[in-house]
Structures are given as structure tokens and as C-alpha cells.
Amino acid sequence: MLFETLTIKDIKIKTGNLVKLLRKKENLSQDQLAVTLDLSRITIQNLESGKNITLDTLLKVFQHFDILEKFDHFVDDEIKNRNYSSLY
């Protein structure tokens, strides 16, 4: 097959790897990050392993690592570039 299809699992794994890299860059253990974000260590472990997590968890982690604004800009750009009309 010439082209591989990007899957949701691929994105979960990449996102988990990103979180793990950011956590380690700040010299935080999974426990420390969990306490800081008022989450369980298992939640952080699941996120880093590419397992199912909630959007709230992901956004908390993005906020902690100062990438929430980048994500927000991405969403805004997608809405503008695709000329979606407001849902409200």
C-alpha cells in the first residue's frame, strides 16, 4: 500500500508521546503532574499510553504545558478557513 491511513489510534499515541516529552522536559513524574492537575496517575498513564481519555483531561494538560492557546488558534483557523457558519 502506497499511502497509510492515519488512524485515531495513531493520533492518541502521538499525543501521548507529546505529553510524556513535555512532562519529562519539566522533570515531572506522572504522580506530580497528576497532583498538579487534580487528576489520577492512572489518567496520566492512560493519556501517555494512547488510551481513551476525556477532552477535559486533554485540555487541562494542554493548558498546563501552555499549548492550549495553540490548539484554540488551530480550531479558530479551521473554522475560518473552511467557512463554517456559526452553530448558534
C-alpha atoms as a PDB file:
ATOM      1  CA  MET A   1       0.000   0.000   0.000  1.00  0.00           C
ATOM      2  CA  LEU A   2       1.462   3.359  -1.047  1.00  0.00           C
ATOM      3  CA  PHE A   3      -0.333   5.505   1.471  1.00  0.00           C
ATOM      4  CA  GLU A   4      -1.036   4.618   5.038  1.00  0.00           C
ATOM      5  CA  THR A   5      -4.263   5.833   6.534  1.00  0.00           C
ATOM      6  CA  LEU A   6      -3.904   7.967   9.623  1.00  0.00           C
ATOM      7  CA  THR A   7      -5.966   6.492  12.417  1.00  0.00           C
ATOM      8  CA  ILE A   8      -7.364   7.843  15.648  1.00  0.00           C
ATOM      9  CA  LYS A   9      -5.108   5.402  17.490  1.00  0.00           C
ATOM     10  CA  ASP A  10      -2.079   6.948  15.740  1.00  0.00           C
ATOM     11  CA  ILE A  11      -3.084  10.394  16.975  1.00  0.00           C
ATOM     12  CA  LYS A  12      -3.709   9.103  20.505  1.00  0.00           C
ATOM     13  CA  ILE A  13      -0.229   7.580  20.584  1.00  0.00           C
ATOM     14  CA  LYS A  14       1.409  10.729  19.170  1.00  0.00           C
ATOM     15  CA  THR A  15      -0.473  12.908  21.649  1.00  0.00           C
ATOM     16  CA  GLY A  16       0.565  10.621  24.494  1.00  0.00           C
ATOM     17  CA  ASN A  17       4.176  10.808  23.365  1.00  0.00           C
ATOM     18  CA  LEU A  18       3.969  14.605  23.232  1.00  0.00           C
ATOM     19  CA  VAL A  19       2.589  14.777  26.772  1.00  0.00           C
ATOM     20  CA  LYS A  20       5.286  12.416  28.019  1.00  0.00           C
ATOM     21  CA  LEU A  21       8.019  14.519  26.372  1.00  0.00           C
ATOM     22  CA  LEU A  22       6.620  17.738  27.823  1.00  0.00           C
ATOM     23  CA  ARG A  23       6.265  16.168  31.270  1.00  0.00           C
ATOM     24  CA  LYS A  24       9.831  14.875  31.235  1.00  0.00           C
ATOM     25  CA  LYS A  25      11.134  18.227  29.971  1.00  0.00           C
ATOM     26  CA  GLU A  26       9.697  19.771  33.148  1.00  0.00           C
ATOM     27  CA  ASN A  27      11.207  16.921  35.220  1.00  0.00           C
ATOM     28  CA  LEU A  28       7.785  15.867  36.469  1.00  0.00           C
ATOM     29  CA  SER A  29       6.740  12.358  37.366  1.00  0.00           C
ATOM     30  CA  GLN A  30       3.312  11.123  36.354  1.00  0.00           C
ATOM     31  CA  ASP A  31       2.316  11.444  40.020  1.00  0.00           C
ATOM     32  CA  GLN A  32       3.477  15.056  40.211  1.00  0.00           C
ATOM     33  CA  LEU A  33       1.638  16.043  37.044  1.00  0.00           C
ATOM     34  CA  ALA A  34      -1.479  14.252  38.241  1.00  0.00           C
ATOM     35  CA  VAL A  35      -1.446  16.077  41.583  1.00  0.00           C
ATOM     36  CA  THR A  36      -0.847  19.429  39.882  1.00  0.00           C
ATOM     37  CA  LEU A  37      -3.832  18.889  37.567  1.00  0.00           C
ATOM     38  CA  ASP A  38      -6.061  17.222  40.171  1.00  0.00           C
ATOM     39  CA  LEU A  39      -6.105  14.003  38.157  1.00  0.00           C
ATOM     40  CA  SER A  40      -5.084  10.453  38.974  1.00  0.00           C
ATOM     41  CA  ARG A  41      -1.735   8.976  37.994  1.00  0.00           C
ATOM     42  CA  ILE A  42      -3.658   6.322  36.054  1.00  0.00           C
ATOM     43  CA  THR A  43      -5.281   9.079  33.983  1.00  0.00           C
ATOM     44  CA  ILE A  44      -1.858  10.476  33.074  1.00  0.00           C
ATOM     45  CA  GLN A  45      -0.565   6.971  32.399  1.00  0.00           C
ATOM     46  CA  ASN A  46      -3.528   6.256  30.119  1.00  0.00           C
ATOM     47  CA  LEU A  47      -3.040   9.520  28.235  1.00  0.00           C
ATOM     48  CA  GLU A  48       0.648   8.816  27.691  1.00  0.00           C
ATOM     49  CA  SER A  49      -0.157   5.261  26.566  1.00  0.00           C
ATOM     50  CA  GLY A  50      -2.628   6.419  23.945  1.00  0.00           C
ATOM     51  CA  LYS A  51      -5.636   5.014  25.739  1.00  0.00           C
ATOM     52  CA  ASN A  52      -9.029   6.685  25.889  1.00  0.00           C
ATOM     53  CA  ILE A  53      -9.125   9.944  27.775  1.00  0.00           C
ATOM     54  CA  THR A  54     -11.611  12.749  28.082  1.00  0.00           C
ATOM     55  CA  LEU A  55     -11.404  16.028  26.253  1.00  0.00           C
ATOM     56  CA  ASP A  56     -11.355  17.784  29.637  1.00  0.00           C
ATOM     57  CA  THR A  57      -8.225  15.849  30.606  1.00  0.00           C
ATOM     58  CA  LEU A  58      -6.503  16.681  27.349  1.00  0.00           C
ATOM     59  CA  LEU A  59      -7.373  20.370  27.642  1.00  0.00           C
ATOM     60  CA  LYS A  60      -6.109  20.503  31.247  1.00  0.00           C
ATOM     61  CA  VAL A  61      -2.811  19.015  30.130  1.00  0.00           C
ATOM     62  CA  PHE A  62      -2.589  21.388  27.149  1.00  0.00           C
ATOM     63  CA  GLN A  63      -3.242  24.317  29.483  1.00  0.00           C
ATOM     64  CA  HIS A  64      -0.562  23.170  31.914  1.00  0.00           C
ATOM     65  CA  PHE A  65       2.043  22.927  29.152  1.00  0.00           C
ATOM     66  CA  ASP A  66       0.995  26.262  27.573  1.00  0.00           C
ATOM     67  CA  ILE A  67      -0.245  24.742  24.317  1.00  0.00           C
ATOM     68  CA  LEU A  68      -3.966  25.317  24.894  1.00  0.00           C
ATOM     69  CA  GLU A  69      -3.783  28.635  23.060  1.00  0.00           C
ATOM     70  CA  LYS A  70      -2.142  26.953  20.037  1.00  0.00           C
ATOM     71  CA  PHE A  71      -4.933  24.393  19.994  1.00  0.00           C
ATOM     72  CA  ASP A  72      -7.522  27.172  20.221  1.00  0.00           C
ATOM     73  CA  HIS A  73      -5.895  29.003  17.298  1.00  0.00           C
ATOM     74  CA  PHE A  74      -5.917  25.791  15.272  1.00  0.00           C
ATOM     75  CA  VAL A  75      -9.657  25.380  15.904  1.00  0.00           C
ATOM     76  CA  ASP A  76     -10.330  29.032  15.032  1.00  0.00           C
ATOM     77  CA  ASP A  77      -8.286  28.752  11.835  1.00  0.00           C
ATOM     78  CA  GLU A  78     -10.128  25.608  10.779  1.00  0.00           C
ATOM     79  CA  ILE A  79     -13.474  27.316  11.284  1.00  0.00           C
ATOM     80  CA  LYS A  80     -12.377  30.396   9.301  1.00  0.00           C
ATOM     81  CA  ASN A  81     -10.608  28.507   6.514  1.00  0.00           C
ATOM     82  CA  ARG A  82     -13.473  26.165   5.878  1.00  0.00           C
ATOM     83  CA  ASN A  83     -16.103  28.891   6.050  1.00  0.00           C
ATOM     84  CA  TYR A  84     -18.226  27.108   8.613  1.00  0.00           C
ATOM     85  CA  SER A  85     -21.177  29.128   9.696  1.00  0.00           C
ATOM     86  CA  SER A  86     -21.817  29.575  13.377  1.00  0.00           C
ATOM     87  CA  LEU A  87     -23.733  26.839  15.098  1.00  0.00           C
ATOM     88  CA  TYR A  88     -25.527  29.396  17.258  1.00  0.00           C
END
